[in-house]
């Protein structure tokens, strides 16, 4: 999707944001988990910001 968007000059801000979370989850060994892993990451990030 991102390659096609780049080819046609379309921006993909949501894809760019989500990709960062999926890459982080994969690096943390969570590649076999579903969207719940991303939600857990967002919750942890939110808790850090609210401290």
PDB file of N, CA and C in Angstrom:
ATOM      1  N   UNK A   1       0.825  -1.190   0.000  1.00  0.00           N
ATOM      2  CA  UNK A   1       0.000   0.000   0.000  1.00  0.00           C
ATOM      3  C   UNK A   1       0.866   1.250   0.000  1.00  0.00           C
ATOM      4  N   UNK A   2       1.871   1.282   0.871  1.00  0.00           N
ATOM      5  CA  UNK A   2       2.701   2.487   0.946  1.00  0.00           C
ATOM      6  C   UNK A   2       3.485   2.713  -0.348  1.00  0.00           C
ATOM      7  N   UNK A   3       3.908   1.646  -0.998  1.00  0.00           N
ATOM      8  CA  UNK A   3       4.636   1.800  -2.263  1.00  0.00           C
ATOM      9  C   UNK A   3       3.720   2.388  -3.335  1.00  0.00           C
ATOM     10  N   UNK A   4       2.498   1.907  -3.402  1.00  0.00           N
ATOM     11  CA  UNK A   4       1.542   2.434  -4.371  1.00  0.00           C
ATOM     12  C   UNK A   4       1.230   3.897  -4.073  1.00  0.00           C
ATOM     13  N   UNK A   5       1.014   4.214  -2.801  1.00  0.00           N
ATOM     14  CA  UNK A   5       0.733   5.601  -2.423  1.00  0.00           C
ATOM     15  C   UNK A   5       1.890   6.508  -2.809  1.00  0.00           C
ATOM     16  N   UNK A   6       3.100   6.035  -2.588  1.00  0.00           N
ATOM     17  CA  UNK A   6       4.279   6.825  -2.953  1.00  0.00           C
ATOM     18  C   UNK A   6       4.341   7.030  -4.464  1.00  0.00           C
ATOM     19  N   UNK A   7       4.045   5.968  -5.214  1.00  0.00           N
ATOM     20  CA  UNK A   7       4.078   6.052  -6.678  1.00  0.00           C
ATOM     21  C   UNK A   7       3.106   7.091  -7.227  1.00  0.00           C
ATOM     22  N   UNK A   8       1.950   7.216  -6.576  1.00  0.00           N
ATOM     23  CA  UNK A   8       0.941   8.157  -7.069  1.00  0.00           C
ATOM     24  C   UNK A   8       0.963   9.486  -6.320  1.00  0.00           C
ATOM     25  N   UNK A   9       1.893   9.615  -5.379  1.00  0.00           N
ATOM     26  CA  UNK A   9       2.038  10.875  -4.656  1.00  0.00           C
ATOM     27  C   UNK A   9       0.994  11.117  -3.584  1.00  0.00           C
ATOM     28  N   UNK A  10       0.386  10.043  -3.087  1.00  0.00           N
ATOM     29  CA  UNK A  10      -0.631  10.177  -2.043  1.00  0.00           C
ATOM     30  C   UNK A  10       0.019  10.111  -0.665  1.00  0.00           C
ATOM     31  N   UNK A  11      -0.490  10.918   0.241  1.00  0.00           N
ATOM     32  CA  UNK A  11       0.023  10.856   1.608  1.00  0.00           C
ATOM     33  C   UNK A  11      -0.750   9.795   2.387  1.00  0.00           C
ATOM     34  N   UNK A  12      -0.088   9.186   3.341  1.00  0.00           N
ATOM     35  CA  UNK A  12      -0.700   8.126   4.147  1.00  0.00           C
ATOM     36  C   UNK A  12      -0.356   8.344   5.622  1.00  0.00           C
ATOM     37  N   UNK A  13      -0.838   9.422   6.222  1.00  0.00           N
ATOM     38  CA  UNK A  13      -0.457   9.722   7.599  1.00  0.00           C
ATOM     39  C   UNK A  13      -0.890   8.658   8.604  1.00  0.00           C
ATOM     40  N   UNK A  14      -2.070   8.093   8.438  1.00  0.00           N
ATOM     41  CA  UNK A  14      -2.517   7.063   9.367  1.00  0.00           C
ATOM     42  C   UNK A  14      -1.667   5.808   9.224  1.00  0.00           C
ATOM     43  N   UNK A  15      -1.415   5.391   8.003  1.00  0.00           N
ATOM     44  CA  UNK A  15      -0.563   4.226   7.761  1.00  0.00           C
ATOM     45  C   UNK A  15       0.828   4.444   8.346  1.00  0.00           C
ATOM     46  N   UNK A  16       1.369   5.628   8.165  1.00  0.00           N
ATOM     47  CA  UNK A  16       2.705   5.929   8.685  1.00  0.00           C
ATOM     48  C   UNK A  16       2.740   5.822  10.205  1.00  0.00           C
ATOM     49  N   UNK A  17       1.694   6.294  10.865  1.00  0.00           N
ATOM     50  CA  UNK A  17       1.623   6.234  12.327  1.00  0.00           C
ATOM     51  C   UNK A  17       1.472   4.799  12.805  1.00  0.00           C
ATOM     52  N   UNK A  18       0.552   4.072  12.200  1.00  0.00           N
ATOM     53  CA  UNK A  18       0.285   2.695  12.619  1.00  0.00           C
ATOM     54  C   UNK A  18       1.493   1.805  12.366  1.00  0.00           C
ATOM     55  N   UNK A  19       2.172   2.040  11.267  1.00  0.00           N
ATOM     56  CA  UNK A  19       3.347   1.227  10.939  1.00  0.00           C
ATOM     57  C   UNK A  19       4.376   1.287  12.059  1.00  0.00           C
ATOM     58  N   UNK A  20       4.582   2.455  12.635  1.00  0.00           N
ATOM     59  CA  UNK A  20       5.548   2.609  13.725  1.00  0.00           C
ATOM     60  C   UNK A  20       5.212   1.676  14.888  1.00  0.00           C
ATOM     61  N   UNK A  21       3.932   1.576  15.228  1.00  0.00           N
ATOM     62  CA  UNK A  21       3.525   0.701  16.330  1.00  0.00           C
ATOM     63  C   UNK A  21       3.726  -0.771  15.973  1.00  0.00           C
ATOM     64  N   UNK A  22       3.384  -1.152  14.762  1.00  0.00           N
ATOM     65  CA  UNK A  22       3.576  -2.545  14.354  1.00  0.00           C
ATOM     66  C   UNK A  22       5.059  -2.922  14.314  1.00  0.00           C
ATOM     67  N   UNK A  23       5.895  -2.021  13.851  1.00  0.00           N
ATOM     68  CA  UNK A  23       7.332  -2.298  13.825  1.00  0.00           C
ATOM     69  C   UNK A  23       7.891  -2.429  15.241  1.00  0.00           C
ATOM     70  N   UNK A  24       7.419  -1.586  16.152  1.00  0.00           N
ATOM     71  CA  UNK A  24       7.856  -1.675  17.547  1.00  0.00           C
ATOM     72  C   UNK A  24       7.386  -2.981  18.167  1.00  0.00           C
ATOM     73  N   UNK A  25       6.138  -3.344  17.920  1.00  0.00           N
ATOM     74  CA  UNK A  25       5.609  -4.601  18.454  1.00  0.00           C
ATOM     75  C   UNK A  25       6.415  -5.787  17.942  1.00  0.00           C
ATOM     76  N   UNK A  26       6.751  -5.769  16.677  1.00  0.00           N
ATOM     77  CA  UNK A  26       7.551  -6.854  16.103  1.00  0.00           C
ATOM     78  C   UNK A  26       8.931  -6.910  16.761  1.00  0.00           C
ATOM     79  N   UNK A  27       9.543  -5.757  16.969  1.00  0.00           N
ATOM     80  CA  UNK A  27      10.864  -5.706  17.597  1.00  0.00           C
ATOM     81  C   UNK A  27      10.821  -6.208  19.038  1.00  0.00           C
ATOM     82  N   UNK A  28       9.672  -6.061  19.685  1.00  0.00           N
ATOM     83  CA  UNK A  28       9.504  -6.533  21.063  1.00  0.00           C
ATOM     84  C   UNK A  28       9.097  -8.003  21.122  1.00  0.00           C
ATOM     85  N   UNK A  29       9.056  -8.675  19.981  1.00  0.00           N
ATOM     86  CA  UNK A  29       8.703 -10.092  19.957  1.00  0.00           C
ATOM     87  C   UNK A  29       7.211 -10.347  20.007  1.00  0.00           C
ATOM     88  N   UNK A  30       6.408  -9.382  19.606  1.00  0.00           N
ATOM     89  CA  UNK A  30       4.955  -9.519  19.661  1.00  0.00           C
ATOM     90  C   UNK A  30       4.346  -9.743  18.281  1.00  0.00           C
ATOM     91  N   UNK A  31       5.131 -10.144  17.320  1.00  0.00           N
ATOM     92  CA  UNK A  31       4.646 -10.286  15.942  1.00  0.00           C
ATOM     93  C   UNK A  31       3.507 -11.294  15.820  1.00  0.00           C
ATOM     94  N   UNK A  32       3.448 -12.255  16.718  1.00  0.00           N
ATOM     95  CA  UNK A  32       2.409 -13.278  16.644  1.00  0.00           C
ATOM     96  C   UNK A  32       1.117 -12.864  17.343  1.00  0.00           C
ATOM     97  N   UNK A  33       1.101 -11.677  17.937  1.00  0.00           N
ATOM     98  CA  UNK A  33      -0.091 -11.201  18.640  1.00  0.00           C
ATOM     99  C   UNK A  33      -0.970 -10.374  17.707  1.00  0.00           C
ATOM    100  N   UNK A  34      -2.210 -10.182  18.112  1.00  0.00           N
ATOM    101  CA  UNK A  34      -3.130  -9.403  17.288  1.00  0.00           C
ATOM    102  C   UNK A  34      -3.131  -7.934  17.716  1.00  0.00           C
ATOM    103  N   UNK A  35      -4.168  -7.214  17.367  1.00  0.00           N
ATOM    104  CA  UNK A  35      -4.268  -5.781  17.633  1.00  0.00           C
ATOM    105  C   UNK A  35      -4.205  -5.471  19.131  1.00  0.00           C
ATOM    106  N   UNK A  36      -4.488  -6.441  19.975  1.00  0.00           N
ATOM    107  CA  UNK A  36      -4.407  -6.225  21.419  1.00  0.00           C
ATOM    108  C   UNK A  36      -3.002  -5.791  21.831  1.00  0.00           C
ATOM    109  N   UNK A  37      -1.985  -6.270  21.142  1.00  0.00           N
ATOM    110  CA  UNK A  37      -0.610  -5.864  21.448  1.00  0.00           C
ATOM    111  C   UNK A  37      -0.430  -4.374  21.193  1.00  0.00           C
ATOM    112  N   UNK A  38      -1.021  -3.878  20.134  1.00  0.00           N
ATOM    113  CA  UNK A  38      -0.929  -2.454  19.812  1.00  0.00           C
ATOM    114  C   UNK A  38      -1.687  -1.644  20.855  1.00  0.00           C
ATOM    115  N   UNK A  39      -2.849  -2.127  21.258  1.00  0.00           N
ATOM    116  CA  UNK A  39      -3.633  -1.432  22.280  1.00  0.00           C
ATOM    117  C   UNK A  39      -2.857  -1.364  23.583  1.00  0.00           C
ATOM    118  N   UNK A  40      -2.203  -2.449  23.963  1.00  0.00           N
ATOM    119  CA  UNK A  40      -1.381  -2.445  25.182  1.00  0.00           C
ATOM    120  C   UNK A  40      -0.254  -1.427  25.075  1.00  0.00           C
ATOM    121  N   UNK A  41       0.344  -1.320  23.911  1.00  0.00           N
ATOM    122  CA  UNK A  41       1.416  -0.339  23.719  1.00  0.00           C
ATOM    123  C   UNK A  41       0.875   1.082  23.860  1.00  0.00           C
ATOM    124  N   UNK A  42      -0.296   1.337  23.295  1.00  0.00           N
ATOM    125  CA  UNK A  42      -0.905   2.662  23.394  1.00  0.00           C
ATOM    126  C   UNK A  42      -1.268   2.994  24.841  1.00  0.00           C
ATOM    127  N   UNK A  43      -1.775   2.005  25.571  1.00  0.00           N
ATOM    128  CA  UNK A  43      -2.102   2.220  26.981  1.00  0.00           C
ATOM    129  C   UNK A  43      -0.850   2.548  27.778  1.00  0.00           C
ATOM    130  N   UNK A  44       0.211   1.807  27.556  1.00  0.00           N
ATOM    131  CA  UNK A  44       1.464   2.053  28.272  1.00  0.00           C
ATOM    132  C   UNK A  44       2.008   3.436  27.939  1.00  0.00           C
ATOM    133  N   UNK A  45       1.927   3.811  26.676  1.00  0.00           N
ATOM    134  CA  UNK A  45       2.391   5.133  26.258  1.00  0.00           C
ATOM    135  C   UNK A  45       1.557   6.230  26.924  1.00  0.00           C
ATOM    136  N   UNK A  46       0.270   6.008  27.012  1.00  0.00           N
ATOM    137  CA  UNK A  46      -0.629   6.979  27.632  1.00  0.00           C
ATOM    138  C   UNK A  46      -0.320   7.142  29.116  1.00  0.00           C
ATOM    139  N   UNK A  47      -0.049   6.030  29.792  1.00  0.00           N
ATOM    140  CA  UNK A  47       0.267   6.085  31.223  1.00  0.00           C
ATOM    141  C   UNK A  47       1.564   6.844  31.466  1.00  0.00           C
ATOM    142  N   UNK A  48       2.532   6.671  30.590  1.00  0.00           N
ATOM    143  CA  UNK A  48       3.805   7.384  30.734  1.00  0.00           C
ATOM    144  C   UNK A  48       3.603   8.889  30.601  1.00  0.00           C
ATOM    145  N   UNK A  49       2.735   9.295  29.677  1.00  0.00           N
ATOM    146  CA  UNK A  49       2.492  10.720  29.439  1.00  0.00           C
ATOM    147  C   UNK A  49       1.692  11.354  30.571  1.00  0.00           C
ATOM    148  N   UNK A  50       0.880  10.568  31.257  1.00  0.00           N
ATOM    149  CA  UNK A  50       0.013  11.104  32.302  1.00  0.00           C
ATOM    150  C   UNK A  50       0.636  11.073  33.689  1.00  0.00           C
ATOM    151  N   UNK A  51       1.873  10.663  33.799  1.00  0.00           N
ATOM    152  CA  UNK A  51       2.533  10.621  35.114  1.00  0.00           C
ATOM    153  C   UNK A  51       3.158  11.940  35.438  1.00  0.00           C
TER     154      UNK A  51
END
